[in-house]
Protein backbone atom coordinates (compact mmCIF):
# COMPACT_ATOMS: atom_id res chain seq x y z
CA UNK A 1 -28.36 -52.97 -76.05
CA UNK A 2 -24.52 -53.40 -76.71
CA UNK A 3 -22.80 -51.29 -79.17
CA UNK A 4 -20.77 -53.49 -81.74
CA UNK A 5 -17.96 -52.54 -83.66
CA UNK A 6 -16.49 -54.88 -86.30
CA UNK A 7 -12.89 -55.38 -87.18
CA UNK A 8 -12.78 -56.25 -90.61
CA UNK A 9 -9.98 -58.54 -91.52
CA UNK A 10 -11.72 -61.07 -94.13
CA UNK A 11 -12.00 -64.39 -92.60
CA UNK A 12 -10.44 -63.37 -89.45
CA UNK A 13 -12.63 -60.48 -88.98
CA UNK A 14 -14.23 -60.29 -85.22
CA UNK A 15 -16.72 -58.22 -83.42
CA UNK A 16 -16.07 -55.80 -80.38
CA UNK A 17 -19.11 -55.85 -78.10
CA UNK A 18 -19.38 -52.71 -75.73
CA UNK A 19 -21.90 -52.34 -72.90
CA UNK A 20 -22.69 -52.66 -69.22
CA UNK A 21 -22.54 -56.02 -67.90
CA UNK A 22 -21.72 -57.59 -71.20
CA UNK A 23 -19.55 -60.19 -69.48
CA UNK A 24 -22.66 -61.97 -68.52
CA UNK A 25 -23.76 -62.33 -72.56
CA UNK A 26 -20.58 -64.64 -72.65
CA UNK A 27 -22.67 -67.64 -73.12
CA UNK A 28 -24.61 -66.47 -75.96
CA UNK A 29 -21.42 -64.87 -77.67
CA UNK A 30 -19.57 -67.97 -77.39
CA UNK A 31 -22.52 -70.34 -78.58
CA UNK A 32 -21.60 -72.65 -81.20
CA UNK A 33 -18.01 -72.16 -81.13
CA UNK A 34 -15.94 -75.26 -81.28
CA UNK A 35 -13.74 -74.81 -78.08
CA UNK A 36 -12.90 -77.44 -75.82
CA UNK A 37 -11.58 -75.94 -72.91
CA UNK A 38 -11.02 -72.21 -71.86
CA UNK A 39 -7.85 -70.76 -69.80
CA UNK A 40 -8.55 -67.83 -68.36
CA UNK A 41 -5.51 -65.51 -67.65
CA UNK A 42 -5.98 -62.69 -65.10
CA UNK A 43 -3.89 -61.15 -62.29
CA UNK A 44 -5.08 -61.21 -58.51
CA UNK A 45 -6.37 -57.74 -58.57
CA UNK A 46 -9.00 -58.55 -61.25
CA UNK A 47 -9.45 -62.04 -60.11
CA UNK A 48 -10.87 -60.77 -56.75
CA UNK A 49 -13.26 -58.54 -58.46
CA UNK A 50 -14.43 -60.31 -61.76
CA UNK A 51 -13.41 -63.66 -62.03
CA UNK A 52 -16.15 -65.31 -60.33
CA UNK A 53 -18.53 -63.44 -62.95
CA UNK A 54 -16.60 -64.66 -65.90
CA UNK A 55 -16.28 -68.29 -64.58
CA UNK A 56 -20.13 -68.18 -64.10
CA UNK A 57 -20.76 -67.12 -67.54
CA UNK A 58 -18.34 -69.51 -68.96
CA UNK A 59 -19.89 -72.29 -66.95
CA UNK A 60 -23.44 -71.44 -68.17
CA UNK A 61 -21.80 -71.83 -71.61
CA UNK A 62 -20.49 -75.39 -70.91
CA UNK A 63 -16.98 -74.84 -71.15
CA UNK A 64 -14.49 -76.63 -68.87
CA UNK A 65 -12.07 -73.76 -67.20
CA UNK A 66 -8.58 -73.34 -66.32
CA UNK A 67 -7.63 -70.44 -64.40
CA UNK A 68 -4.09 -68.99 -64.55
CA UNK A 69 -3.09 -66.07 -62.49
CA UNK A 70 -0.01 -63.90 -63.08
CA UNK A 71 1.36 -61.04 -61.30
CA UNK A 72 -0.07 -57.60 -61.52
CA UNK A 73 1.68 -54.67 -63.58
CA UNK A 74 4.14 -53.67 -66.45
CA UNK A 75 7.03 -54.88 -64.33
CA UNK A 76 6.08 -58.52 -64.92
CA UNK A 77 5.33 -58.38 -68.80
CA UNK A 78 8.34 -60.80 -69.41
CA UNK A 79 9.57 -63.76 -70.87
CA UNK A 80 9.42 -65.43 -67.55
CA UNK A 81 5.58 -64.52 -66.83
CA UNK A 82 4.89 -65.70 -70.61
CA UNK A 83 6.78 -68.91 -69.85
CA UNK A 84 4.70 -69.57 -66.64
CA UNK A 85 1.38 -69.07 -68.70
CA UNK A 86 2.98 -72.09 -71.00
CA UNK A 87 3.84 -74.10 -68.12
CA UNK A 88 0.09 -73.86 -66.97
CA UNK A 89 -1.29 -74.36 -70.31
CA UNK A 90 0.94 -77.61 -70.79
CA UNK A 91 0.32 -78.74 -67.48
CA UNK A 92 -3.41 -78.71 -68.00
CA UNK A 93 -2.99 -80.50 -71.39
CA UNK A 94 -4.91 -77.96 -73.26
CA UNK A 95 -5.50 -78.96 -76.82
CA UNK A 96 -5.51 -77.14 -80.12
CA UNK A 97 -9.20 -76.81 -79.77
CA UNK A 98 -8.75 -74.92 -76.69
CA UNK A 99 -8.71 -70.99 -76.25
CA UNK A 100 -7.32 -68.42 -74.07
CA UNK A 101 -9.40 -65.78 -72.61
CA UNK A 102 -7.66 -62.54 -71.18
CA UNK A 103 -9.33 -60.91 -68.21
CA UNK A 104 -7.54 -57.85 -67.39
CA UNK A 105 -5.62 -54.85 -68.64
CA UNK A 106 -3.22 -54.36 -71.18
CA UNK A 107 -0.45 -56.46 -69.56
CA UNK A 108 -2.43 -59.40 -69.23
CA UNK A 109 -4.15 -59.09 -72.72
CA UNK A 110 -0.74 -59.08 -74.34
CA UNK A 111 0.83 -61.72 -72.39
CA UNK A 112 -2.18 -64.04 -72.80
CA UNK A 113 -2.39 -63.30 -76.60
CA UNK A 114 1.30 -63.96 -77.07
CA UNK A 115 0.95 -67.39 -75.06
CA UNK A 116 -2.23 -68.10 -77.60
CA UNK A 117 -0.17 -67.15 -80.69
CA UNK A 118 2.66 -69.82 -79.59
CA UNK A 119 0.90 -72.44 -77.75
CA UNK A 120 0.48 -75.50 -80.21
CA UNK A 121 1.50 -72.81 -83.12
CA UNK A 122 -1.70 -70.85 -82.18
CA UNK A 123 -4.93 -71.28 -80.45
CA UNK A 124 -8.19 -69.36 -80.03
CA UNK A 125 -7.96 -65.90 -78.24
CA UNK A 126 -10.43 -63.90 -76.58
CA UNK A 127 -10.18 -60.49 -75.05
CA UNK A 128 -12.14 -59.19 -72.06
CA UNK A 129 -10.41 -55.88 -71.20
CA UNK A 130 -11.02 -54.45 -67.79
CA UNK A 131 -9.05 -51.06 -67.81
CA UNK A 132 -9.94 -48.33 -70.16
CA UNK A 133 -6.57 -48.17 -71.82
CA UNK A 134 -7.17 -51.87 -72.78
CA UNK A 135 -10.47 -51.32 -73.89
CA UNK A 136 -9.74 -48.39 -76.42
CA UNK A 137 -6.23 -49.63 -77.40
CA UNK A 138 -4.46 -53.00 -76.70
CA UNK A 139 -7.38 -55.43 -76.78
CA UNK A 140 -7.97 -54.55 -80.40
CA UNK A 141 -5.78 -55.08 -83.27
CA UNK A 142 -3.79 -58.19 -82.33
CA UNK A 143 -0.58 -56.74 -81.05
CA UNK A 144 0.73 -59.29 -78.34
CA UNK A 145 4.22 -59.67 -76.71
CA UNK A 146 6.48 -59.08 -73.72
CA UNK A 147 8.99 -56.26 -72.83
CA UNK A 148 12.89 -56.96 -73.03
CA UNK A 149 15.29 -54.81 -70.68
CA UNK A 150 16.42 -53.07 -73.79
CA UNK A 151 12.90 -52.00 -75.24
CA UNK A 152 9.19 -52.20 -74.78
CA UNK A 153 7.08 -55.05 -76.67
CA UNK A 154 10.31 -55.91 -78.70
CA UNK A 155 9.11 -59.91 -78.40
CA UNK A 156 5.92 -60.56 -79.71
CA UNK A 157 3.51 -61.51 -82.49
CA UNK A 158 0.53 -60.08 -84.38
CA UNK A 159 -2.39 -62.62 -83.52
CA UNK A 160 -6.05 -61.28 -83.65
CA UNK A 161 -8.67 -62.23 -81.19
CA UNK A 162 -11.71 -63.91 -82.15
CA UNK A 163 -13.86 -61.89 -80.04
CA UNK A 164 -13.45 -58.62 -77.51
CA UNK A 165 -15.77 -58.03 -74.94
CA UNK A 166 -15.91 -54.58 -73.32
CA UNK A 167 -17.77 -54.30 -70.13
CA UNK A 168 -17.99 -50.77 -69.27
CA UNK A 169 -19.23 -51.70 -65.71
CA UNK A 170 -15.61 -52.68 -64.95
CA UNK A 171 -14.47 -49.18 -65.02
CA UNK A 172 -16.46 -48.44 -61.66
CA UNK A 173 -13.49 -50.16 -59.74
CA UNK A 174 -10.70 -48.73 -61.83
CA UNK A 175 -8.33 -46.39 -59.92
CA UNK A 176 -8.32 -43.07 -61.00
CA UNK A 177 -4.71 -42.93 -61.92
CA UNK A 178 -5.47 -45.81 -64.41
CA UNK A 179 -8.63 -44.19 -65.82
CA UNK A 180 -6.63 -41.22 -66.56
CA UNK A 181 -3.95 -43.12 -68.09
CA UNK A 182 -6.57 -44.64 -70.54
CA UNK A 183 -7.78 -41.37 -71.45
CA UNK A 184 -4.30 -40.69 -72.97
CA UNK A 185 -5.19 -43.23 -75.65
CA UNK A 186 -8.49 -41.79 -76.16
CA UNK A 187 -7.33 -38.42 -76.65
CA UNK A 188 -4.79 -39.89 -79.31
CA UNK A 189 -7.67 -40.73 -81.62
CA UNK A 190 -8.77 -37.21 -81.80
CA UNK A 191 -5.52 -35.84 -82.37
CA UNK A 192 -4.47 -38.27 -85.58
CA UNK A 193 -7.81 -38.70 -87.04
CA UNK A 194 -10.80 -36.81 -85.75
CA UNK A 195 -10.48 -33.14 -84.63
CA UNK A 196 -14.41 -33.03 -84.04
CA UNK A 197 -13.65 -36.03 -81.33
CA UNK A 198 -10.88 -33.82 -79.72
CA UNK A 199 -13.34 -31.32 -79.09
CA UNK A 200 -15.84 -33.32 -78.00
CA UNK A 201 -13.41 -34.57 -75.46
CA UNK A 202 -12.56 -31.03 -74.44
CA UNK A 203 -16.29 -30.59 -73.78
CA UNK A 204 -16.72 -33.79 -71.77
CA UNK A 205 -13.44 -34.21 -70.15
CA UNK A 206 -15.08 -33.93 -66.71
CA UNK A 207 -17.96 -36.17 -67.60
CA UNK A 208 -15.48 -38.88 -68.49
CA UNK A 209 -13.49 -38.27 -65.41
CA UNK A 210 -16.76 -38.90 -63.47
CA UNK A 211 -17.22 -42.12 -65.50
CA UNK A 212 -20.62 -40.86 -66.78
CA UNK A 213 -21.86 -44.27 -68.44
CA UNK A 214 -23.39 -42.65 -71.55
CA UNK A 215 -19.97 -40.50 -72.07
CA UNK A 216 -17.71 -43.46 -71.40
CA UNK A 217 -19.58 -45.67 -74.07
CA UNK A 218 -19.42 -43.08 -76.56
CA UNK A 219 -15.77 -42.42 -76.12
CA UNK A 220 -14.83 -46.27 -76.05
CA UNK A 221 -17.20 -46.69 -79.20
CA UNK A 222 -15.47 -44.04 -81.02
CA UNK A 223 -11.87 -44.93 -79.95
CA UNK A 224 -12.68 -48.71 -81.17
CA UNK A 225 -14.07 -47.78 -84.47
CA UNK A 226 -11.07 -45.53 -85.10
CA UNK A 227 -8.54 -48.45 -84.18
CA UNK A 228 -10.70 -51.08 -86.11
CA UNK A 229 -10.53 -49.00 -89.41
CA UNK A 230 -6.80 -48.44 -89.09
CA UNK A 231 -6.10 -52.15 -88.22
CA UNK A 232 -8.27 -53.14 -91.25
CA UNK A 233 -6.22 -50.90 -93.46
CA UNK A 234 -2.68 -51.82 -92.07
CA UNK A 235 -2.94 -55.13 -89.85
CA UNK A 236 0.93 -55.39 -89.47
CA UNK A 237 1.89 -51.62 -89.15
CA UNK A 238 3.41 -51.32 -92.46
CA UNK A 239 2.26 -47.77 -92.97
CA UNK A 240 -0.99 -46.14 -91.71
CA UNK A 241 -1.09 -48.22 -88.45
CA UNK A 242 2.06 -46.52 -87.23
CA UNK A 243 -0.05 -43.20 -86.65
CA UNK A 244 -1.63 -45.22 -83.39
CA UNK A 245 1.69 -44.67 -82.02
CA UNK A 246 1.52 -40.90 -81.47
CA UNK A 247 3.71 -39.99 -78.48
CA UNK A 248 4.84 -43.42 -78.08
CA UNK A 249 8.25 -43.20 -79.06
CA UNK A 250 9.04 -40.48 -76.55
CA UNK A 251 6.73 -42.25 -74.18
CA UNK A 252 8.41 -45.87 -74.34
CA UNK A 253 11.59 -44.08 -73.70
CA UNK A 254 10.13 -42.62 -70.40
CA UNK A 255 9.07 -46.13 -69.45
CA UNK A 256 12.30 -47.77 -70.14
CA UNK A 257 14.58 -45.06 -68.48
CA UNK A 258 12.58 -44.98 -65.40
CA UNK A 259 12.08 -48.93 -65.40
CA UNK A 260 8.69 -50.36 -66.78
CA UNK A 261 5.99 -49.80 -64.37
CA UNK A 262 7.09 -46.69 -62.58
CA UNK A 263 4.93 -44.55 -64.80
CA UNK A 264 1.97 -46.09 -66.54
CA UNK A 265 1.97 -46.21 -70.01
CA UNK A 266 -0.77 -43.81 -70.58
CA UNK A 267 1.21 -41.21 -68.42
CA UNK A 268 4.28 -41.67 -70.54
CA UNK A 269 2.43 -41.44 -73.88
CA UNK A 270 0.57 -38.23 -72.67
CA UNK A 271 4.05 -36.64 -72.04
CA UNK A 272 5.31 -37.92 -75.05
CA UNK A 273 2.53 -36.69 -76.92
CA UNK A 274 3.14 -32.96 -75.75
CA UNK A 275 6.75 -33.47 -77.09
CA UNK A 276 5.54 -34.79 -80.46
CA UNK A 277 3.06 -31.71 -80.56
CA UNK A 278 5.83 -29.39 -79.74
CA UNK A 279 8.22 -30.95 -82.20
CA UNK A 280 5.29 -30.47 -85.01
CA UNK A 281 5.17 -27.27 -84.07
CA UNK A 282 8.96 -26.46 -84.65
CA UNK A 283 8.46 -28.19 -88.03
CA UNK A 284 5.98 -25.35 -88.82
CA UNK A 285 2.96 -27.87 -88.86
CA UNK A 286 0.96 -27.34 -85.90
CA UNK A 287 0.15 -23.88 -84.75
CA UNK A 288 1.26 -23.01 -81.06
CA UNK A 289 -2.28 -22.52 -79.83
CA UNK A 290 -2.94 -26.00 -80.96
CA UNK A 291 -0.01 -27.41 -78.99
CA UNK A 292 -1.47 -25.44 -75.83
CA UNK A 293 -4.86 -27.11 -76.38
CA UNK A 294 -3.32 -30.44 -76.48
CA UNK A 295 -1.39 -29.77 -73.11
CA UNK A 296 -4.53 -28.12 -71.67
CA UNK A 297 -6.66 -31.19 -72.14
CA UNK A 298 -4.23 -33.66 -71.04
CA UNK A 299 -3.53 -31.74 -67.92
CA UNK A 300 -7.28 -31.23 -67.37
CA UNK A 301 -7.64 -35.05 -66.94
CA UNK A 302 -4.80 -35.06 -64.80
CA UNK A 303 -1.92 -36.50 -67.01
CA UNK A 304 1.49 -35.31 -66.88
CA UNK A 305 2.75 -32.92 -69.86
CA UNK A 306 6.22 -32.98 -69.03
CA UNK A 307 8.85 -36.01 -68.99
CA UNK A 308 11.35 -36.58 -66.57
CA UNK A 309 14.59 -34.74 -67.27
CA UNK A 310 16.94 -37.26 -68.59
CA UNK A 311 18.67 -35.05 -70.84
CA UNK A 312 18.33 -35.48 -74.56
CA UNK A 313 21.50 -37.72 -75.07
CA UNK A 314 19.77 -40.45 -72.73
CA UNK A 315 16.35 -40.01 -74.49
CA UNK A 316 18.05 -40.48 -77.91
CA UNK A 317 19.74 -43.35 -76.76
CA UNK A 318 16.48 -44.90 -75.31
CA UNK A 319 14.48 -44.02 -78.44
CA UNK A 320 16.97 -45.66 -80.79
CA UNK A 321 15.69 -49.06 -79.42
CA UNK A 322 12.08 -48.35 -80.41
CA UNK A 323 10.72 -50.85 -83.00
CA UNK A 324 9.99 -48.10 -85.47
CA UNK A 325 13.59 -47.46 -86.11
CA UNK A 326 14.28 -48.89 -89.57
CA UNK A 327 17.91 -48.98 -90.85
CA UNK A 328 18.92 -46.55 -88.04
CA UNK A 329 16.28 -44.12 -89.05
CA UNK A 330 13.94 -42.84 -86.17
CA UNK A 331 10.58 -42.66 -87.34
CA UNK A 332 8.24 -40.42 -85.52
CA UNK A 333 4.66 -39.73 -85.64
CA UNK A 334 3.84 -36.39 -85.48
CA UNK A 335 0.99 -33.89 -86.29
CA UNK A 336 0.51 -32.05 -89.59
CA UNK A 337 -2.64 -30.52 -88.09
CA UNK A 338 -5.26 -31.32 -85.47
CA UNK A 339 -6.71 -34.47 -86.62
CA UNK A 340 -4.09 -35.41 -89.09
CA UNK A 341 -1.25 -37.52 -87.91
CA UNK A 342 1.83 -38.09 -90.11
CA UNK A 343 4.85 -40.64 -89.83
CA UNK A 344 8.16 -38.91 -90.62
CA UNK A 345 11.84 -39.92 -90.62
CA UNK A 346 12.66 -36.21 -91.49
CA UNK A 347 12.67 -34.42 -88.37
CA UNK A 348 16.04 -32.93 -87.61
CA UNK A 349 17.86 -34.15 -85.00
CA UNK A 350 18.40 -30.51 -83.41
CA UNK A 351 14.63 -29.96 -83.48
CA UNK A 352 14.03 -33.23 -81.79
CA UNK A 353 16.53 -32.48 -79.15
CA UNK A 354 15.03 -29.06 -78.44
CA UNK A 355 11.85 -30.67 -77.21
CA UNK A 356 13.59 -33.27 -75.17
CA UNK A 357 13.55 -32.29 -71.16
């Protein structure tokens, strides 16, 4: 039986279905929905593996289908790609009762969701994430958008899906590097909200790398439950939701500085998380042995724990373009303790500089 997590947003609440082969349950999950047509947005890699299964399920449900293929990778998460999706939606004459279904990783989901949010001022949106990172993070919570050369995700909208379908069997074909990158976001939930989950991850790191089905399903369910709770409390990131960005201000600087797509998002977040932990220690919040635990777990799953040596000035320049900068003040997500994240604008710049490579 699939595991179900609910994102409680009143009339816009939606379920997350988690389990092996749940793509094949799409006919039942979509039954009774007033959808005229479905545009499936995917990339060539995912299409080769899972498009036929998805189209078969949608056909069984009786929906006419339009398939839109976009280039693979973070380097293509651009306004130009978003415009291409709109071109196809318009050419196919999709109406306001149509839906966009994102079949792929975070890039596909972010672009497809932004297209759904803006096509005819908003049409239905369904997430079918096929990477671990998308399953535990980007597919849940309604953040959509594209990158700009000056900053990651600077153009976009909050737009919730109506349904998230997480088929854990898709992880069998996920490259190991991408699996590891997804684990960075899983580990994040243990650090900001759930120290017991962090300890569970320490004990089960190798099972997760081996893609043990039970361990993976548990990690995804716990991650989605935490994400759902945070989103329900703070949908548009006015407060608590910012905690989900642990390591991201540093990580986004790495991605932008190297060129989007050079490092995977999770790789950059992992190195950024260690910087955040070291800064938390400098502020007297996190004991040094806990910093070592964090670095050890990230390293154990094959993630980088040191960022590229841009130098402090370059890092600070890149970090100034982060979305969390308000009125010129840089907000950082740090750790008051293991399992307790905090948003602060008070970190002295000298201490920030000290943790930048």
